[in-house]
Structures are given as structure tokens and as C-alpha cells.
Amino acid sequence: MLGIRDVTHRYRDGTTITLPNWQAQDGEHWALLGPSGSGKTTLLHILGGLLRPQRGQVFIGERRLDQLGERALDQFRGQHIGVVFQTLHLVDALTVENNLRLARYFAGLSQDRNQILEVLDRLGVAEVARHHPHRLSQGQAQRVALARAIINEPAVILADEPTSALDDKTCQQVLELLTAQALACHATLVIATHDARVRGVLEHALELEPAE
């Protein structure tokens, strides 16, 4: 189970946003909807333990993320949460394979080259394992970012605007990849988006209101 309760977040400009109580069951696929300024990315980052709310509870299964110290939170995130950012944040100094190794390292998990190659192969990019990110096409880079997000078999996959500025065909491919990999990991999937095409694919939706 993934969810929030009584969560409030204050931005640097003093704007405060109160998020609705919400929870998702294991394995569900959710679209996180709302206009710009409604807090979609903020909520996604709170769920991923990347932001701490001013107050409120954030939980994944039996664990309260808002009660974990920084080190414990970093390790828990690495082991249980996969994040696909709108900006992919691949480390250009490392090969694709080593980007995935780094995700294992930060989570305190053992290295398994066969597993890394298997995940890349599942996403159709095994041939770029020894390439650096600057050599990848946008589509390949997106698949590598997804591979990095699922390499630790997370319980939760979070994606921020993954279909932004994509044509219909590519949008469909990205959504199919995300949902298929979530199913393969038995993970809860949450996609923050303003793209109406996403709502038609996912069975659940949470719509946020603009911040006041």
C-alpha cells in the first residue's frame, strides 16, 4: 500500500498546498492529474521520499517515510522506489551498464551483471550496455532511465510527465513500457501528467486542484 494522510507542503515563496488523503493498493496503476501548479510533481516527490512535507504521513506498506532519517530514507528509496524523472538524469561519465550498477550500489544491493543485461534486454536496449548516455537516442535514453528505475525490483514506480511532447505512437509505446514493467515487478505505478492520453490507459486517477 502507498499513500498520504494530512499532508501539507510549503513552497519557498510561502505558498502552501494541502494534498488530499489518498492511498493506492499494491499493483494498482494511477494517473496523477491536475493543471500546472496543482502539486503533481510535489506529490510525486513526496511519495518518492525526495521531498519532506511540512506535516503529514507518507507511507509505503508498513513504513512511514516521514519518520525515517536521511540515510535510512535514501536506502529505503533505493530498494523500494523507482523514479523516472522528466529530465532523465543519467550519469554521462558512466556507461549504461554502470548507471544501473550505481542504482544497485546506492541501494546497498549486490551487483549482478546478468540481471542488468536481462533488464536492458527486456526493454530492447541491451546493445547499448557499454555506450555512454550522450550516444543514445531520446527513445533509448528513456528506456535506460526506466531500466534504472526497475533494476532493484521496486514496490513502487513513479514517473513524472513521461509522455510530455511525445507524438501519439511514441506516447503509446512509453505507456506500454511503464505498465508492462510495473506488472513484471508487481509494482504500484503512479504517473504524474497533464496528458489526457494517459488517463485513458490507467485504471485509476487522482485529480489535484490548483493551489490557492
N, C-alpha and C. Protein backbone atom coordinates (compact mmCIF):
# COMPACT_ATOMS: atom_id res chain seq x y z
N MET A 1 0.84 -1.20 0.00
CA MET A 1 0.00 0.00 0.00
C MET A 1 0.88 1.25 0.00
N LEU A 2 0.44 2.24 -0.75
CA LEU A 2 1.14 3.52 -0.88
C LEU A 2 0.15 4.63 -0.62
N GLY A 3 0.53 5.65 0.16
CA GLY A 3 -0.44 6.72 0.38
C GLY A 3 0.07 7.87 1.22
N ILE A 4 -0.79 8.86 1.37
CA ILE A 4 -0.51 10.04 2.19
C ILE A 4 -1.74 10.36 3.05
N ARG A 5 -1.48 11.01 4.18
CA ARG A 5 -2.57 11.40 5.08
C ARG A 5 -2.22 12.74 5.73
N ASP A 6 -3.13 13.71 5.61
CA ASP A 6 -2.98 15.03 6.24
C ASP A 6 -1.67 15.72 5.84
N VAL A 7 -1.32 15.65 4.56
CA VAL A 7 -0.05 16.19 4.09
C VAL A 7 -0.20 17.64 3.64
N THR A 8 0.68 18.49 4.16
CA THR A 8 0.79 19.89 3.75
C THR A 8 2.23 20.17 3.38
N HIS A 9 2.42 20.92 2.28
CA HIS A 9 3.77 21.30 1.86
C HIS A 9 3.82 22.80 1.61
N ARG A 10 4.88 23.43 2.10
CA ARG A 10 5.06 24.86 1.91
C ARG A 10 6.22 25.10 0.93
N TYR A 11 5.96 25.87 -0.13
CA TYR A 11 7.00 26.21 -1.10
C TYR A 11 7.83 27.39 -0.59
N ARG A 12 8.95 27.63 -1.26
CA ARG A 12 9.85 28.69 -0.83
C ARG A 12 9.21 30.07 -0.91
N ASP A 13 8.27 30.25 -1.84
CA ASP A 13 7.62 31.57 -1.96
C ASP A 13 6.51 31.76 -0.93
N GLY A 14 6.34 30.78 -0.04
CA GLY A 14 5.33 30.89 1.01
C GLY A 14 4.00 30.25 0.68
N THR A 15 3.81 29.86 -0.59
CA THR A 15 2.57 29.17 -0.97
C THR A 15 2.50 27.83 -0.26
N THR A 16 1.33 27.54 0.28
CA THR A 16 1.11 26.27 0.96
C THR A 16 0.10 25.45 0.20
N ILE A 17 0.38 24.18 0.05
CA ILE A 17 -0.53 23.28 -0.64
C ILE A 17 -0.92 22.16 0.31
N THR A 18 -2.21 21.90 0.39
CA THR A 18 -2.72 20.78 1.19
C THR A 18 -3.19 19.71 0.23
N LEU A 19 -2.61 18.52 0.36
CA LEU A 19 -2.90 17.43 -0.55
C LEU A 19 -3.99 16.52 0.01
N PRO A 20 -4.82 15.97 -0.85
CA PRO A 20 -5.92 15.13 -0.36
C PRO A 20 -5.40 13.80 0.20
N ASN A 21 -6.09 13.29 1.21
CA ASN A 21 -5.76 11.94 1.70
C ASN A 21 -6.00 10.96 0.56
N TRP A 22 -5.05 10.05 0.38
CA TRP A 22 -5.11 9.15 -0.78
C TRP A 22 -4.30 7.91 -0.50
N GLN A 23 -4.73 6.79 -1.06
CA GLN A 23 -3.91 5.58 -0.98
C GLN A 23 -4.15 4.71 -2.20
N ALA A 24 -3.12 3.97 -2.58
CA ALA A 24 -3.19 3.02 -3.69
C ALA A 24 -2.82 1.64 -3.17
N GLN A 25 -3.50 0.64 -3.66
CA GLN A 25 -3.21 -0.73 -3.25
C GLN A 25 -2.05 -1.29 -4.08
N ASP A 26 -1.43 -2.35 -3.58
CA ASP A 26 -0.32 -2.98 -4.28
C ASP A 26 -0.71 -3.33 -5.71
N GLY A 27 0.14 -2.95 -6.65
CA GLY A 27 -0.06 -3.34 -8.03
C GLY A 27 -1.01 -2.48 -8.83
N GLU A 28 -1.63 -1.47 -8.21
CA GLU A 28 -2.54 -0.60 -8.96
C GLU A 28 -1.76 0.39 -9.81
N HIS A 29 -2.41 0.86 -10.90
CA HIS A 29 -1.81 1.84 -11.80
C HIS A 29 -2.64 3.12 -11.74
N TRP A 30 -1.99 4.24 -11.37
CA TRP A 30 -2.69 5.51 -11.15
C TRP A 30 -2.14 6.61 -12.04
N ALA A 31 -3.04 7.44 -12.55
CA ALA A 31 -2.68 8.70 -13.19
C ALA A 31 -2.88 9.81 -12.16
N LEU A 32 -1.87 10.65 -12.00
CA LEU A 32 -1.94 11.80 -11.10
C LEU A 32 -2.15 13.03 -11.98
N LEU A 33 -3.36 13.59 -11.93
CA LEU A 33 -3.78 14.62 -12.88
C LEU A 33 -3.95 15.98 -12.19
N GLY A 34 -4.01 17.02 -13.01
CA GLY A 34 -4.25 18.36 -12.49
C GLY A 34 -3.51 19.39 -13.31
N PRO A 35 -3.96 20.65 -13.26
CA PRO A 35 -3.30 21.72 -14.02
C PRO A 35 -1.95 22.06 -13.42
N SER A 36 -1.16 22.85 -14.15
CA SER A 36 0.12 23.34 -13.62
C SER A 36 -0.13 24.08 -12.31
N GLY A 37 0.71 23.81 -11.33
CA GLY A 37 0.56 24.46 -10.03
C GLY A 37 -0.31 23.72 -9.05
N SER A 38 -0.84 22.55 -9.46
CA SER A 38 -1.72 21.81 -8.55
C SER A 38 -0.94 20.89 -7.61
N GLY A 39 0.36 20.71 -7.88
CA GLY A 39 1.19 19.93 -6.95
C GLY A 39 1.47 18.51 -7.39
N LYS A 40 1.32 18.21 -8.68
CA LYS A 40 1.54 16.83 -9.16
C LYS A 40 2.97 16.38 -8.89
N THR A 41 3.93 17.20 -9.35
CA THR A 41 5.34 16.82 -9.16
C THR A 41 5.70 16.84 -7.68
N THR A 42 5.16 17.80 -6.94
CA THR A 42 5.41 17.85 -5.50
C THR A 42 4.95 16.57 -4.82
N LEU A 43 3.74 16.12 -5.14
CA LEU A 43 3.23 14.89 -4.54
C LEU A 43 4.09 13.70 -4.96
N LEU A 44 4.47 13.65 -6.23
CA LEU A 44 5.30 12.55 -6.70
C LEU A 44 6.63 12.50 -5.92
N HIS A 45 7.23 13.69 -5.70
CA HIS A 45 8.50 13.74 -4.97
C HIS A 45 8.31 13.41 -3.49
N ILE A 46 7.17 13.76 -2.92
CA ILE A 46 6.88 13.38 -1.53
C ILE A 46 6.72 11.86 -1.43
N LEU A 47 6.00 11.27 -2.38
CA LEU A 47 5.82 9.81 -2.38
C LEU A 47 7.15 9.09 -2.54
N GLY A 48 8.08 9.72 -3.29
CA GLY A 48 9.38 9.10 -3.52
C GLY A 48 10.40 9.40 -2.43
N GLY A 49 10.00 10.15 -1.41
CA GLY A 49 10.93 10.49 -0.35
C GLY A 49 11.97 11.50 -0.77
N LEU A 50 11.72 12.22 -1.87
CA LEU A 50 12.65 13.24 -2.35
C LEU A 50 12.35 14.61 -1.74
N LEU A 51 11.14 14.78 -1.25
CA LEU A 51 10.73 15.98 -0.51
C LEU A 51 10.09 15.54 0.79
N ARG A 52 10.34 16.29 1.85
CA ARG A 52 9.65 16.04 3.12
C ARG A 52 8.53 17.06 3.26
N PRO A 53 7.31 16.62 3.50
CA PRO A 53 6.22 17.58 3.68
C PRO A 53 6.38 18.34 4.99
N GLN A 54 5.74 19.51 5.05
CA GLN A 54 5.77 20.28 6.29
C GLN A 54 5.12 19.49 7.42
N ARG A 55 4.05 18.81 7.09
CA ARG A 55 3.43 17.92 8.07
C ARG A 55 2.68 16.83 7.33
N GLY A 56 2.29 15.78 8.05
CA GLY A 56 1.50 14.70 7.46
C GLY A 56 2.27 13.39 7.37
N GLN A 57 1.56 12.34 7.00
CA GLN A 57 2.11 10.99 6.94
C GLN A 57 2.26 10.55 5.49
N VAL A 58 3.39 9.89 5.22
CA VAL A 58 3.67 9.31 3.91
C VAL A 58 4.06 7.86 4.15
N PHE A 59 3.34 6.93 3.56
CA PHE A 59 3.63 5.53 3.88
C PHE A 59 3.70 4.65 2.64
N ILE A 60 4.60 3.68 2.73
CA ILE A 60 4.68 2.60 1.76
C ILE A 60 4.67 1.31 2.56
N GLY A 61 3.62 0.55 2.40
CA GLY A 61 3.46 -0.65 3.21
C GLY A 61 3.41 -0.29 4.68
N GLU A 62 4.27 -0.92 5.46
CA GLU A 62 4.29 -0.70 6.91
C GLU A 62 5.20 0.48 7.30
N ARG A 63 5.93 1.05 6.34
CA ARG A 63 6.92 2.07 6.67
C ARG A 63 6.37 3.48 6.49
N ARG A 64 6.70 4.35 7.44
CA ARG A 64 6.38 5.78 7.36
C ARG A 64 7.62 6.52 6.86
N LEU A 65 7.57 7.02 5.64
CA LEU A 65 8.73 7.71 5.08
C LEU A 65 9.04 8.98 5.84
N ASP A 66 8.00 9.66 6.35
CA ASP A 66 8.20 10.92 7.06
C ASP A 66 8.89 10.72 8.40
N GLN A 67 9.03 9.48 8.86
CA GLN A 67 9.68 9.22 10.14
C GLN A 67 11.11 8.69 9.98
N LEU A 68 11.54 8.45 8.75
CA LEU A 68 12.87 7.89 8.52
C LEU A 68 13.93 9.00 8.51
N GLY A 69 15.11 8.71 9.04
CA GLY A 69 16.24 9.62 8.92
C GLY A 69 16.74 9.64 7.49
N GLU A 70 17.62 10.60 7.18
CA GLU A 70 18.07 10.78 5.79
C GLU A 70 18.74 9.53 5.24
N ARG A 71 19.63 8.93 5.98
CA ARG A 71 20.36 7.75 5.49
C ARG A 71 19.41 6.58 5.28
N ALA A 72 18.54 6.34 6.25
CA ALA A 72 17.57 5.24 6.13
C ALA A 72 16.61 5.48 4.98
N LEU A 73 16.23 6.75 4.79
CA LEU A 73 15.31 7.09 3.70
C LEU A 73 15.97 6.85 2.35
N ASP A 74 17.24 7.25 2.21
CA ASP A 74 17.96 7.03 0.95
C ASP A 74 18.02 5.54 0.60
N GLN A 75 18.33 4.72 1.60
CA GLN A 75 18.43 3.29 1.35
C GLN A 75 17.06 2.68 1.05
N PHE A 76 16.04 3.11 1.79
CA PHE A 76 14.69 2.59 1.55
C PHE A 76 14.24 2.95 0.14
N ARG A 77 14.50 4.20 -0.27
CA ARG A 77 14.12 4.64 -1.62
C ARG A 77 14.80 3.78 -2.67
N GLY A 78 16.10 3.57 -2.49
CA GLY A 78 16.85 2.80 -3.47
C GLY A 78 16.35 1.37 -3.61
N GLN A 79 15.90 0.80 -2.51
CA GLN A 79 15.47 -0.59 -2.52
C GLN A 79 14.01 -0.79 -2.92
N HIS A 80 13.17 0.23 -2.70
CA HIS A 80 11.73 0.01 -2.85
C HIS A 80 11.02 0.95 -3.82
N ILE A 81 11.70 2.02 -4.28
CA ILE A 81 11.05 3.02 -5.13
C ILE A 81 11.87 3.25 -6.38
N GLY A 82 11.22 3.17 -7.54
CA GLY A 82 11.87 3.51 -8.80
C GLY A 82 11.26 4.79 -9.33
N VAL A 83 12.12 5.75 -9.74
CA VAL A 83 11.63 7.05 -10.20
C VAL A 83 12.13 7.30 -11.63
N VAL A 84 11.20 7.69 -12.51
CA VAL A 84 11.55 8.12 -13.86
C VAL A 84 11.27 9.62 -13.92
N PHE A 85 12.32 10.42 -13.94
CA PHE A 85 12.16 11.86 -13.93
C PHE A 85 11.86 12.39 -15.33
N GLN A 86 11.26 13.59 -15.39
CA GLN A 86 11.01 14.22 -16.68
C GLN A 86 12.34 14.52 -17.37
N THR A 87 13.32 15.02 -16.62
CA THR A 87 14.70 15.10 -17.08
C THR A 87 15.39 13.84 -16.59
N LEU A 88 15.98 13.05 -17.48
CA LEU A 88 16.32 11.67 -17.16
C LEU A 88 17.45 11.50 -16.15
N HIS A 89 18.37 12.48 -16.07
CA HIS A 89 19.44 12.46 -15.07
C HIS A 89 20.33 11.21 -15.15
N LEU A 90 20.62 10.73 -16.36
CA LEU A 90 21.61 9.67 -16.50
C LEU A 90 23.00 10.28 -16.30
N VAL A 91 23.91 9.51 -15.73
CA VAL A 91 25.27 10.00 -15.46
C VAL A 91 26.11 9.79 -16.72
N ASP A 92 26.44 10.88 -17.39
CA ASP A 92 27.07 10.77 -18.70
C ASP A 92 28.49 10.21 -18.64
N ALA A 93 29.15 10.34 -17.50
CA ALA A 93 30.51 9.82 -17.37
C ALA A 93 30.54 8.29 -17.26
N LEU A 94 29.39 7.68 -17.03
CA LEU A 94 29.30 6.23 -16.86
C LEU A 94 28.61 5.59 -18.06
N THR A 95 28.96 4.35 -18.34
CA THR A 95 28.23 3.60 -19.36
C THR A 95 26.82 3.31 -18.87
N VAL A 96 25.98 2.88 -19.79
CA VAL A 96 24.60 2.49 -19.43
C VAL A 96 24.63 1.42 -18.35
N GLU A 97 25.46 0.40 -18.55
CA GLU A 97 25.55 -0.68 -17.56
C GLU A 97 25.95 -0.15 -16.20
N ASN A 98 26.90 0.77 -16.17
CA ASN A 98 27.37 1.30 -14.88
C ASN A 98 26.37 2.26 -14.26
N ASN A 99 25.52 2.91 -15.05
CA ASN A 99 24.41 3.69 -14.48
C ASN A 99 23.50 2.77 -13.67
N LEU A 100 23.25 1.57 -14.19
CA LEU A 100 22.40 0.63 -13.47
C LEU A 100 23.13 0.03 -12.27
N ARG A 101 24.43 -0.20 -12.42
CA ARG A 101 25.22 -0.67 -11.28
C ARG A 101 25.18 0.35 -10.13
N LEU A 102 25.23 1.64 -10.50
CA LEU A 102 25.21 2.70 -9.50
C LEU A 102 23.90 2.67 -8.69
N ALA A 103 22.79 2.41 -9.38
CA ALA A 103 21.50 2.31 -8.69
C ALA A 103 21.51 1.16 -7.69
N ARG A 104 22.14 0.04 -8.05
CA ARG A 104 22.26 -1.08 -7.12
C ARG A 104 23.16 -0.70 -5.93
N TYR A 105 24.25 -0.01 -6.23
CA TYR A 105 25.21 0.37 -5.19
C TYR A 105 24.57 1.28 -4.14
N PHE A 106 23.87 2.32 -4.60
CA PHE A 106 23.28 3.27 -3.66
C PHE A 106 22.19 2.62 -2.82
N ALA A 107 21.58 1.54 -3.33
CA ALA A 107 20.55 0.84 -2.55
C ALA A 107 21.15 -0.20 -1.61
N GLY A 108 22.49 -0.35 -1.65
CA GLY A 108 23.14 -1.32 -0.79
C GLY A 108 22.90 -2.75 -1.23
N LEU A 109 22.68 -2.95 -2.52
CA LEU A 109 22.37 -4.28 -3.06
C LEU A 109 23.57 -4.84 -3.82
N SER A 110 23.62 -6.15 -3.92
CA SER A 110 24.73 -6.81 -4.61
C SER A 110 24.67 -6.55 -6.12
N GLN A 111 25.82 -6.63 -6.76
CA GLN A 111 25.90 -6.42 -8.20
C GLN A 111 25.68 -7.74 -8.93
N ASP A 112 24.90 -7.71 -9.98
CA ASP A 112 24.62 -8.90 -10.78
C ASP A 112 24.55 -8.47 -12.24
N ARG A 113 25.66 -8.65 -12.97
CA ARG A 113 25.71 -8.18 -14.36
C ARG A 113 24.65 -8.86 -15.22
N ASN A 114 24.41 -10.14 -14.97
CA ASN A 114 23.40 -10.85 -15.76
C ASN A 114 22.02 -10.23 -15.59
N GLN A 115 21.70 -9.83 -14.35
CA GLN A 115 20.40 -9.19 -14.12
C GLN A 115 20.32 -7.86 -14.86
N ILE A 116 21.40 -7.09 -14.83
CA ILE A 116 21.41 -5.80 -15.53
C ILE A 116 21.19 -5.99 -17.02
N LEU A 117 21.90 -6.94 -17.61
CA LEU A 117 21.75 -7.20 -19.05
C LEU A 117 20.36 -7.74 -19.37
N GLU A 118 19.81 -8.53 -18.47
CA GLU A 118 18.46 -9.06 -18.69
C GLU A 118 17.42 -7.95 -18.70
N VAL A 119 17.55 -6.99 -17.77
CA VAL A 119 16.60 -5.87 -17.73
C VAL A 119 16.75 -5.00 -18.98
N LEU A 120 17.98 -4.72 -19.38
CA LEU A 120 18.19 -3.94 -20.61
C LEU A 120 17.63 -4.67 -21.82
N ASP A 121 17.80 -5.97 -21.86
CA ASP A 121 17.27 -6.76 -22.97
C ASP A 121 15.76 -6.73 -22.99
N ARG A 122 15.15 -6.81 -21.80
CA ARG A 122 13.69 -6.78 -21.71
C ARG A 122 13.13 -5.48 -22.27
N LEU A 123 13.91 -4.40 -22.15
CA LEU A 123 13.47 -3.09 -22.64
C LEU A 123 14.01 -2.78 -24.03
N GLY A 124 14.69 -3.76 -24.63
CA GLY A 124 15.12 -3.60 -26.02
C GLY A 124 16.35 -2.73 -26.22
N VAL A 125 17.18 -2.59 -25.18
CA VAL A 125 18.37 -1.73 -25.30
C VAL A 125 19.64 -2.44 -24.81
N ALA A 126 19.67 -3.76 -24.87
CA ALA A 126 20.85 -4.50 -24.40
C ALA A 126 22.09 -4.13 -25.20
N GLU A 127 21.89 -3.75 -26.47
CA GLU A 127 23.04 -3.47 -27.34
C GLU A 127 23.76 -2.17 -26.95
N VAL A 128 23.16 -1.35 -26.10
CA VAL A 128 23.80 -0.08 -25.71
C VAL A 128 24.41 -0.15 -24.31
N ALA A 129 24.56 -1.35 -23.76
CA ALA A 129 25.03 -1.51 -22.38
C ALA A 129 26.37 -0.82 -22.14
N ARG A 130 27.24 -0.82 -23.14
CA ARG A 130 28.57 -0.24 -22.95
C ARG A 130 28.69 1.17 -23.55
N HIS A 131 27.58 1.71 -23.99
CA HIS A 131 27.57 3.08 -24.51
C HIS A 131 27.42 4.08 -23.37
N HIS A 132 27.86 5.30 -23.59
CA HIS A 132 27.60 6.39 -22.66
C HIS A 132 26.30 7.10 -23.07
N PRO A 133 25.59 7.69 -22.12
CA PRO A 133 24.28 8.28 -22.42
C PRO A 133 24.27 9.27 -23.58
N HIS A 134 25.36 10.03 -23.79
CA HIS A 134 25.33 11.02 -24.86
C HIS A 134 25.26 10.38 -26.25
N ARG A 135 25.53 9.09 -26.34
CA ARG A 135 25.45 8.38 -27.62
C ARG A 135 24.07 7.81 -27.90
N LEU A 136 23.16 7.93 -26.96
CA LEU A 136 21.83 7.31 -27.09
C LEU A 136 20.85 8.25 -27.78
N SER A 137 19.90 7.65 -28.49
CA SER A 137 18.76 8.43 -28.97
C SER A 137 17.86 8.75 -27.79
N GLN A 138 16.91 9.67 -27.98
CA GLN A 138 16.00 10.00 -26.88
C GLN A 138 15.20 8.78 -26.44
N GLY A 139 14.76 7.99 -27.40
CA GLY A 139 14.00 6.78 -27.06
C GLY A 139 14.82 5.78 -26.28
N GLN A 140 16.09 5.59 -26.69
CA GLN A 140 16.97 4.68 -25.95
C GLN A 140 17.23 5.20 -24.55
N ALA A 141 17.48 6.50 -24.42
CA ALA A 141 17.74 7.08 -23.10
C ALA A 141 16.55 6.91 -22.18
N GLN A 142 15.34 7.06 -22.72
CA GLN A 142 14.13 6.89 -21.92
C GLN A 142 14.01 5.45 -21.41
N ARG A 143 14.36 4.50 -22.27
CA ARG A 143 14.30 3.09 -21.86
C ARG A 143 15.37 2.77 -20.82
N VAL A 144 16.54 3.37 -20.97
CA VAL A 144 17.59 3.16 -19.98
C VAL A 144 17.18 3.75 -18.63
N ALA A 145 16.55 4.93 -18.65
CA ALA A 145 16.07 5.53 -17.40
C ALA A 145 15.03 4.64 -16.73
N LEU A 146 14.18 4.00 -17.54
CA LEU A 146 13.19 3.08 -16.99
C LEU A 146 13.89 1.83 -16.44
N ALA A 147 14.91 1.35 -17.15
CA ALA A 147 15.67 0.19 -16.66
C ALA A 147 16.29 0.51 -15.30
N ARG A 148 16.85 1.71 -15.17
CA ARG A 148 17.44 2.12 -13.89
C ARG A 148 16.38 2.16 -12.79
N ALA A 149 15.18 2.60 -13.13
CA ALA A 149 14.11 2.70 -12.14
C ALA A 149 13.64 1.33 -11.65
N ILE A 150 13.74 0.30 -12.50
CA ILE A 150 13.20 -1.01 -12.11
C ILE A 150 14.27 -2.03 -11.76
N ILE A 151 15.56 -1.65 -11.87
CA ILE A 151 16.64 -2.63 -11.69
C ILE A 151 16.60 -3.27 -10.30
N ASN A 152 16.10 -2.55 -9.30
CA ASN A 152 16.06 -3.08 -7.94
C ASN A 152 14.71 -3.71 -7.59
N GLU A 153 13.89 -3.95 -8.63
CA GLU A 153 12.57 -4.58 -8.46
C GLU A 153 11.75 -3.85 -7.38
N PRO A 154 11.48 -2.57 -7.61
CA PRO A 154 10.82 -1.76 -6.59
C PRO A 154 9.36 -2.14 -6.38
N ALA A 155 8.85 -1.77 -5.21
CA ALA A 155 7.43 -1.95 -4.93
C ALA A 155 6.60 -0.84 -5.54
N VAL A 156 7.25 0.31 -5.83
CA VAL A 156 6.57 1.49 -6.35
C VAL A 156 7.38 2.06 -7.51
N ILE A 157 6.71 2.40 -8.62
CA ILE A 157 7.34 3.10 -9.73
C ILE A 157 6.62 4.43 -9.91
N LEU A 158 7.39 5.52 -9.89
CA LEU A 158 6.85 6.87 -10.04
C LEU A 158 7.42 7.47 -11.32
N ALA A 159 6.57 8.08 -12.14
CA ALA A 159 7.02 8.68 -13.40
C ALA A 159 6.45 10.08 -13.52
N ASP A 160 7.32 11.04 -13.82
CA ASP A 160 6.92 12.45 -13.91
C ASP A 160 6.85 12.89 -15.36
N GLU A 161 5.64 13.11 -15.87
CA GLU A 161 5.40 13.60 -17.23
C GLU A 161 6.19 12.81 -18.29
N PRO A 162 6.09 11.47 -18.29
CA PRO A 162 6.92 10.69 -19.23
C PRO A 162 6.49 10.81 -20.68
N THR A 163 5.27 11.31 -20.94
CA THR A 163 4.79 11.42 -22.32
C THR A 163 4.77 12.86 -22.82
N SER A 164 5.35 13.76 -22.04
CA SER A 164 5.35 15.18 -22.42
C SER A 164 6.01 15.38 -23.78
N ALA A 165 5.31 16.07 -24.68
CA ALA A 165 5.82 16.43 -26.01
C ALA A 165 6.04 15.23 -26.93
N LEU A 166 5.44 14.08 -26.62
CA LEU A 166 5.57 12.91 -27.49
C LEU A 166 4.38 12.80 -28.44
N ASP A 167 4.63 12.28 -29.65
CA ASP A 167 3.52 12.02 -30.56
C ASP A 167 2.73 10.82 -30.07
N ASP A 168 1.57 10.58 -30.67
CA ASP A 168 0.66 9.54 -30.18
C ASP A 168 1.31 8.15 -30.18
N LYS A 169 2.05 7.82 -31.23
CA LYS A 169 2.66 6.49 -31.32
C LYS A 169 3.70 6.29 -30.22
N THR A 170 4.57 7.28 -30.03
CA THR A 170 5.62 7.17 -29.02
C THR A 170 5.01 7.19 -27.62
N CYS A 171 3.99 8.01 -27.43
CA CYS A 171 3.28 8.04 -26.15
C CYS A 171 2.75 6.65 -25.80
N GLN A 172 2.13 6.00 -26.76
CA GLN A 172 1.59 4.66 -26.53
C GLN A 172 2.70 3.68 -26.17
N GLN A 173 3.83 3.78 -26.84
CA GLN A 173 4.96 2.89 -26.56
C GLN A 173 5.48 3.09 -25.14
N VAL A 174 5.61 4.35 -24.73
CA VAL A 174 6.12 4.64 -23.39
C VAL A 174 5.16 4.12 -22.32
N LEU A 175 3.87 4.33 -22.52
CA LEU A 175 2.87 3.86 -21.56
C LEU A 175 2.87 2.33 -21.48
N GLU A 176 3.01 1.69 -22.63
CA GLU A 176 3.05 0.22 -22.63
C GLU A 176 4.28 -0.29 -21.88
N LEU A 177 5.43 0.39 -22.07
CA LEU A 177 6.64 0.01 -21.35
C LEU A 177 6.46 0.17 -19.84
N LEU A 178 5.92 1.32 -19.42
CA LEU A 178 5.74 1.57 -17.99
C LEU A 178 4.80 0.56 -17.35
N THR A 179 3.65 0.33 -17.98
CA THR A 179 2.68 -0.59 -17.38
C THR A 179 3.19 -2.03 -17.41
N ALA A 180 3.88 -2.41 -18.49
CA ALA A 180 4.41 -3.78 -18.58
C ALA A 180 5.48 -4.02 -17.52
N GLN A 181 6.36 -3.05 -17.31
CA GLN A 181 7.42 -3.22 -16.32
C GLN A 181 6.86 -3.17 -14.90
N ALA A 182 5.83 -2.37 -14.67
CA ALA A 182 5.18 -2.36 -13.36
C ALA A 182 4.56 -3.73 -13.07
N LEU A 183 3.94 -4.31 -14.09
CA LEU A 183 3.36 -5.65 -13.93
C LEU A 183 4.46 -6.68 -13.66
N ALA A 184 5.59 -6.56 -14.37
CA ALA A 184 6.68 -7.51 -14.20
C ALA A 184 7.26 -7.45 -12.78
N CYS A 185 7.26 -6.24 -12.18
CA CYS A 185 7.78 -6.06 -10.82
C CYS A 185 6.68 -6.20 -9.76
N HIS A 186 5.43 -6.39 -10.19
CA HIS A 186 4.27 -6.37 -9.27
C HIS A 186 4.24 -5.07 -8.50
N ALA A 187 4.57 -3.97 -9.18
CA ALA A 187 4.72 -2.67 -8.52
C ALA A 187 3.48 -1.80 -8.69
N THR A 188 3.26 -0.93 -7.72
CA THR A 188 2.28 0.13 -7.86
C THR A 188 2.89 1.22 -8.75
N LEU A 189 2.14 1.66 -9.75
CA LEU A 189 2.62 2.65 -10.71
C LEU A 189 1.83 3.94 -10.55
N VAL A 190 2.54 5.07 -10.43
CA VAL A 190 1.90 6.38 -10.37
C VAL A 190 2.57 7.28 -11.41
N ILE A 191 1.78 7.81 -12.35
CA ILE A 191 2.28 8.69 -13.39
C ILE A 191 1.68 10.07 -13.21
N ALA A 192 2.54 11.05 -12.94
CA ALA A 192 2.08 12.44 -12.86
C ALA A 192 2.07 13.01 -14.26
N THR A 193 0.93 13.59 -14.68
CA THR A 193 0.81 14.02 -16.06
C THR A 193 -0.29 15.05 -16.24
N HIS A 194 -0.17 15.86 -17.29
CA HIS A 194 -1.28 16.70 -17.73
C HIS A 194 -1.82 16.17 -19.06
N ASP A 195 -1.32 15.00 -19.49
CA ASP A 195 -1.63 14.41 -20.79
C ASP A 195 -2.90 13.55 -20.68
N ALA A 196 -3.97 13.96 -21.35
CA ALA A 196 -5.24 13.23 -21.28
C ALA A 196 -5.11 11.82 -21.83
N ARG A 197 -4.12 11.57 -22.68
CA ARG A 197 -3.95 10.23 -23.24
C ARG A 197 -3.59 9.21 -22.17
N VAL A 198 -2.92 9.66 -21.13
CA VAL A 198 -2.51 8.75 -20.05
C VAL A 198 -3.73 8.27 -19.26
N ARG A 199 -4.67 9.18 -19.03
CA ARG A 199 -5.87 8.82 -18.25
C ARG A 199 -6.63 7.68 -18.90
N GLY A 200 -6.61 7.60 -20.23
CA GLY A 200 -7.34 6.53 -20.91
C GLY A 200 -6.70 5.16 -20.78
N VAL A 201 -5.44 5.12 -20.35
CA VAL A 201 -4.71 3.85 -20.26
C VAL A 201 -4.73 3.27 -18.85
N LEU A 202 -4.69 4.15 -17.84
CA LEU A 202 -4.60 3.69 -16.45
C LEU A 202 -5.98 3.60 -15.82
N GLU A 203 -6.14 2.60 -14.96
CA GLU A 203 -7.49 2.33 -14.43
C GLU A 203 -7.91 3.24 -13.29
N HIS A 204 -6.97 3.94 -12.67
CA HIS A 204 -7.30 4.81 -11.54
C HIS A 204 -6.73 6.21 -11.78
N ALA A 205 -7.37 7.21 -11.18
CA ALA A 205 -6.88 8.59 -11.33
C ALA A 205 -7.14 9.38 -10.06
N LEU A 206 -6.18 10.24 -9.71
CA LEU A 206 -6.34 11.23 -8.65
C LEU A 206 -6.15 12.58 -9.29
N GLU A 207 -7.15 13.45 -9.17
CA GLU A 207 -7.08 14.79 -9.77
C GLU A 207 -6.88 15.82 -8.69
N LEU A 208 -5.83 16.61 -8.82
CA LEU A 208 -5.50 17.65 -7.83
C LEU A 208 -6.06 18.99 -8.27
N GLU A 209 -6.41 19.80 -7.31
CA GLU A 209 -6.93 21.14 -7.56
C GLU A 209 -5.77 22.14 -7.50
N PRO A 210 -5.86 23.27 -8.20
CA PRO A 210 -4.80 24.28 -8.15
C PRO A 210 -4.57 24.78 -6.72
N ALA A 211 -3.32 25.08 -6.40
CA ALA A 211 -3.02 25.62 -5.06
C ALA A 211 -3.62 27.01 -4.95
N GLU A 212 -4.08 27.37 -3.77
CA GLU A 212 -4.67 28.69 -3.54
C GLU A 212 -3.60 29.68 -3.11
